């Protein structure tokens, strides 16, 4: 399976513009005066055209933190405002920082749908550079095994160890947290600097508190492989 496999979603929005005019005219039943005292009647001024107030633009990236947040696309489906509308696996598939992670999730049959269907998750998402530290032969071996064994594979265990069964903001996520793989992660720090460790590997949060429709994402600089060791 190629590492750059990427399922992309699209999003579309429609804007409806409304306008109306108001006009009034005089009644035909008014008695007319003599020719000498007839006065001209000026037309009533049209009421000003009303337009609906523009919807307030929401900045989904306002509460994110970390130097890596500048690498997130400024607009489009992979931007903060785009990702917030999609469930987490779909949102990740639109972000170029997470291409290899998306390929890994796609190799485990049903995992993407499972992540999208959950009501609340926290995902520590290794960026491209994190996967680059894993030898290509090792990564390809994990992908091939995952295509055969699905949720019984080593890759599934590794990926599930990056996911918490709750939607945690930076304050709530700190401490020891149980993962979907049955492991434990230790998260330390705050918006000024945050780390996550599986007891063997410690990763830095590059961009944290990214909202999606059903999860909060923390992009990290290493793949947490300790549970699979």
Protein backbone atom coordinates (compact mmCIF):
# COMPACT_ATOMS: atom_id res chain seq x y z
CA UNK A 1 0.00 0.00 0.00
CA UNK A 2 1.45 3.36 -0.95
CA UNK A 3 2.18 5.64 1.96
CA UNK A 4 0.59 8.62 0.31
CA UNK A 5 -2.87 7.04 0.16
CA UNK A 6 -5.26 9.74 1.09
CA UNK A 7 -8.98 9.80 1.19
CA UNK A 8 -10.20 13.23 0.72
CA UNK A 9 -13.52 14.62 1.51
CA UNK A 10 -15.10 17.65 0.10
CA UNK A 11 -17.27 20.20 1.70
CA UNK A 12 -19.55 22.71 0.13
CA UNK A 13 -21.49 25.68 1.52
CA UNK A 14 -24.31 27.72 0.01
CA UNK A 15 -25.18 31.32 0.80
CA UNK A 16 -28.73 32.59 0.21
CA UNK A 17 -29.18 36.31 -0.39
CA UNK A 18 -32.58 37.79 0.36
CA UNK A 19 -33.84 41.23 -0.68
CA UNK A 20 -37.19 42.92 -0.89
CA UNK A 21 -38.63 46.32 -1.70
CA UNK A 22 -41.63 48.09 -0.34
CA UNK A 23 -43.74 50.59 -2.34
CA UNK A 24 -46.90 52.44 -1.45
CA UNK A 25 -49.34 54.24 -3.67
CA UNK A 26 -52.21 56.66 -3.00
CA UNK A 27 -55.85 55.52 -2.83
CA UNK A 28 -58.05 55.99 -5.91
CA UNK A 29 -61.05 56.87 -3.68
CA UNK A 30 -59.81 60.29 -2.55
CA UNK A 31 -62.04 63.17 -3.83
CA UNK A 32 -60.36 65.42 -6.35
CA UNK A 33 -60.37 69.20 -5.95
CA UNK A 34 -60.98 71.89 -8.56
CA UNK A 35 -58.51 72.53 -11.32
CA UNK A 36 -57.34 75.71 -9.55
CA UNK A 37 -56.37 74.08 -6.25
CA UNK A 38 -55.04 70.78 -7.59
CA UNK A 39 -51.63 70.07 -6.13
CA UNK A 40 -49.16 67.58 -7.41
CA UNK A 41 -48.59 64.57 -5.20
CA UNK A 42 -44.98 63.51 -4.76
CA UNK A 43 -44.39 59.79 -4.82
CA UNK A 44 -43.62 58.22 -1.51
CA UNK A 45 -39.99 57.29 -1.02
CA UNK A 46 -39.18 53.64 -1.31
CA UNK A 47 -38.32 51.94 1.93
CA UNK A 48 -34.62 51.07 2.16
CA UNK A 49 -33.73 47.64 0.96
CA UNK A 50 -32.96 45.40 3.89
CA UNK A 51 -30.29 42.74 3.67
CA UNK A 52 -29.75 39.99 6.16
CA UNK A 53 -26.92 40.44 8.58
CA UNK A 54 -23.82 38.52 7.59
CA UNK A 55 -23.25 35.42 9.64
CA UNK A 56 -20.52 35.81 12.18
CA UNK A 57 -17.41 33.98 11.02
CA UNK A 58 -16.23 31.37 13.50
CA UNK A 59 -12.49 30.85 13.91
CA UNK A 60 -12.13 27.17 14.81
CA UNK A 61 -8.41 27.66 15.28
CA UNK A 62 -8.73 30.39 17.90
CA UNK A 63 -8.01 28.04 20.83
CA UNK A 64 -5.32 25.91 19.18
CA UNK A 65 -1.73 26.12 20.39
CA UNK A 66 1.76 25.14 19.31
CA UNK A 67 4.34 26.22 16.75
CA UNK A 68 3.12 23.59 14.29
CA UNK A 69 -0.29 25.18 13.95
CA UNK A 70 1.18 27.49 11.33
CA UNK A 71 1.62 24.48 9.03
CA UNK A 72 -2.12 23.78 8.93
CA UNK A 73 -3.72 25.04 5.69
CA UNK A 74 -5.26 28.50 6.04
CA UNK A 75 -8.45 27.53 4.21
CA UNK A 76 -10.22 24.61 2.61
CA UNK A 77 -11.29 21.25 4.03
CA UNK A 78 -7.92 20.71 5.75
CA UNK A 79 -7.98 24.04 7.59
CA UNK A 80 -9.19 24.48 11.16
CA UNK A 81 -12.53 25.82 9.93
CA UNK A 82 -12.83 22.92 7.50
CA UNK A 83 -11.85 20.15 9.93
CA UNK A 84 -14.31 21.28 12.59
CA UNK A 85 -17.22 20.24 10.37
CA UNK A 86 -16.04 16.65 9.77
CA UNK A 87 -15.64 13.60 12.04
CA UNK A 88 -12.05 12.94 12.98
CA UNK A 89 -10.94 10.37 10.37
CA UNK A 90 -12.44 12.42 7.54
CA UNK A 91 -10.99 15.64 8.95
CA UNK A 92 -7.52 14.08 9.14
CA UNK A 93 -7.77 12.85 5.55
CA UNK A 94 -8.03 16.46 4.38
CA UNK A 95 -4.93 17.63 6.25
CA UNK A 96 -1.59 17.20 4.42
CA UNK A 97 0.29 17.00 7.74
CA UNK A 98 -1.41 13.67 8.44
CA UNK A 99 -1.20 11.85 5.10
CA UNK A 100 0.74 8.80 6.33
CA UNK A 101 -1.42 8.51 9.44
CA UNK A 102 -4.48 8.45 7.20
CA UNK A 103 -2.87 5.72 5.05
CA UNK A 104 -2.19 3.69 8.21
CA UNK A 105 -5.77 4.07 9.44
CA UNK A 106 -7.04 3.08 5.99
CA UNK A 107 -4.99 -0.11 6.07
CA UNK A 108 -6.98 -1.37 9.08
CA UNK A 109 -10.35 -2.39 7.69
CA UNK A 110 -13.17 -0.45 9.36
CA UNK A 111 -10.99 1.66 11.66
CA UNK A 112 -11.76 4.93 9.89
CA UNK A 113 -15.51 4.32 10.12
CA UNK A 114 -15.16 3.36 13.77
CA UNK A 115 -13.35 6.59 14.59
CA UNK A 116 -15.88 8.66 12.65
CA UNK A 117 -18.83 7.04 14.40
CA UNK A 118 -17.69 7.68 17.98
CA UNK A 119 -19.32 10.51 19.87
CA UNK A 120 -16.23 11.76 21.70
CA UNK A 121 -12.52 11.05 21.21
CA UNK A 122 -9.11 12.58 21.76
CA UNK A 123 -6.56 11.70 19.09
CA UNK A 124 -2.80 12.15 19.28
CA UNK A 125 -1.97 12.30 15.58
CA UNK A 126 1.65 11.76 14.46
CA UNK A 127 2.59 14.11 11.63
CA UNK A 128 4.49 13.13 8.48
CA UNK A 129 7.93 13.59 10.04
CA UNK A 130 7.07 11.17 12.85
CA UNK A 131 6.41 8.33 10.40
CA UNK A 132 9.56 9.25 8.48
CA UNK A 133 11.58 8.11 11.51
CA UNK A 134 10.26 4.55 11.06
CA UNK A 135 12.19 2.49 8.50
CA UNK A 136 10.21 2.14 5.30
CA UNK A 137 10.46 -1.64 5.36
CA UNK A 138 9.08 -1.75 8.91
CA UNK A 139 6.20 0.57 8.08
CA UNK A 140 5.32 -1.33 4.92
CA UNK A 141 5.35 -4.56 6.91
CA UNK A 142 2.90 -3.09 9.41
CA UNK A 143 0.62 -1.91 6.60
CA UNK A 144 0.63 -5.30 4.89
CA UNK A 145 -0.11 -7.16 8.11
CA UNK A 146 -2.94 -4.74 8.91
CA UNK A 147 -4.61 -5.46 5.58
CA UNK A 148 -4.76 -9.12 6.53
CA UNK A 149 -5.44 -9.03 10.27
CA UNK A 150 -7.36 -5.74 10.64
CA UNK A 151 -8.03 -5.05 14.34
CA UNK A 152 -5.87 -8.03 15.35
CA UNK A 153 -2.79 -6.45 13.78
CA UNK A 154 0.14 -4.70 15.43
CA UNK A 155 -0.67 -1.53 13.49
CA UNK A 156 -4.16 -1.44 14.98
CA UNK A 157 -2.67 -1.69 18.47
CA UNK A 158 -0.24 1.14 17.76
CA UNK A 159 -2.91 3.42 16.29
CA UNK A 160 -5.48 2.66 19.01
CA UNK A 161 -2.84 3.59 21.58
CA UNK A 162 -3.00 7.15 20.22
CA UNK A 163 -6.73 7.48 20.96
CA UNK A 164 -8.57 8.30 24.20
CA UNK A 165 -12.29 7.54 24.64
CA UNK A 166 -13.15 11.11 25.66
CA UNK A 167 -13.07 14.53 24.03
CA UNK A 168 -10.50 16.32 26.20
CA UNK A 169 -9.40 19.94 26.07
CA UNK A 170 -5.85 20.88 27.19
CA UNK A 171 -6.83 21.09 30.85
CA UNK A 172 -8.73 17.80 30.96
CA UNK A 173 -6.22 15.78 28.95
CA UNK A 174 -3.30 16.29 31.37
CA UNK A 175 -2.48 13.30 33.57
CA UNK A 176 -2.59 9.54 33.06
CA UNK A 177 -5.13 8.49 30.44
CA UNK A 178 -6.26 5.03 29.31
CA UNK A 179 -6.24 4.44 25.54
CA UNK A 180 -8.47 2.38 23.28
CA UNK A 181 -5.62 -0.15 23.01
CA UNK A 182 -5.60 -0.74 26.76
CA UNK A 183 -2.39 1.19 27.32
CA UNK A 184 -1.76 4.27 29.40
CA UNK A 185 -0.50 7.64 28.22
CA UNK A 186 0.97 10.31 30.46
CA UNK A 187 0.28 13.86 29.28
CA UNK A 188 2.12 16.76 30.86
CA UNK A 189 2.24 20.52 30.33
CA UNK A 190 -0.14 23.10 28.96
CA UNK A 191 -0.55 25.46 26.00
CA UNK A 192 3.00 26.72 26.48
CA UNK A 193 4.37 23.22 25.91
CA UNK A 194 2.85 19.74 26.14
CA UNK A 195 4.25 16.22 25.94
CA UNK A 196 2.64 12.77 25.72
CA UNK A 197 4.41 9.53 26.65
CA UNK A 198 3.52 5.84 26.46
CA UNK A 199 6.31 4.97 28.90
CA UNK A 200 8.83 4.29 26.15
CA UNK A 201 8.38 7.07 23.61
CA UNK A 202 7.79 10.71 24.53
CA UNK A 203 6.34 13.04 21.89
CA UNK A 204 5.91 16.80 21.80
CA UNK A 205 2.59 18.35 20.85
CA UNK A 206 3.19 20.41 17.70
CA UNK A 207 -0.35 21.72 17.41
CA UNK A 208 -2.97 21.02 20.03
CA UNK A 209 -6.65 21.43 20.73
CA UNK A 210 -7.74 21.12 17.09
CA UNK A 211 -11.52 20.65 17.01
CA UNK A 212 -13.33 18.22 14.72
CA UNK A 213 -16.98 17.23 14.72
CA UNK A 214 -16.46 14.44 17.26
CA UNK A 215 -12.91 14.73 18.59
CA UNK A 216 -10.07 16.94 19.71
CA UNK A 217 -6.79 16.37 17.85
CA UNK A 218 -3.25 16.93 19.12
CA UNK A 219 -0.64 16.68 16.35
CA UNK A 220 2.55 15.10 17.76
CA UNK A 221 6.12 14.67 16.51
CA UNK A 222 6.60 10.94 17.21
CA UNK A 223 4.73 7.67 16.77
CA UNK A 224 3.98 6.10 20.16
CA UNK A 225 5.16 2.52 19.65
CA UNK A 226 6.00 1.52 23.25
CA UNK A 227 2.86 -0.55 23.78
CA UNK A 228 3.78 -2.66 20.77
CA UNK A 229 7.35 -3.25 21.92
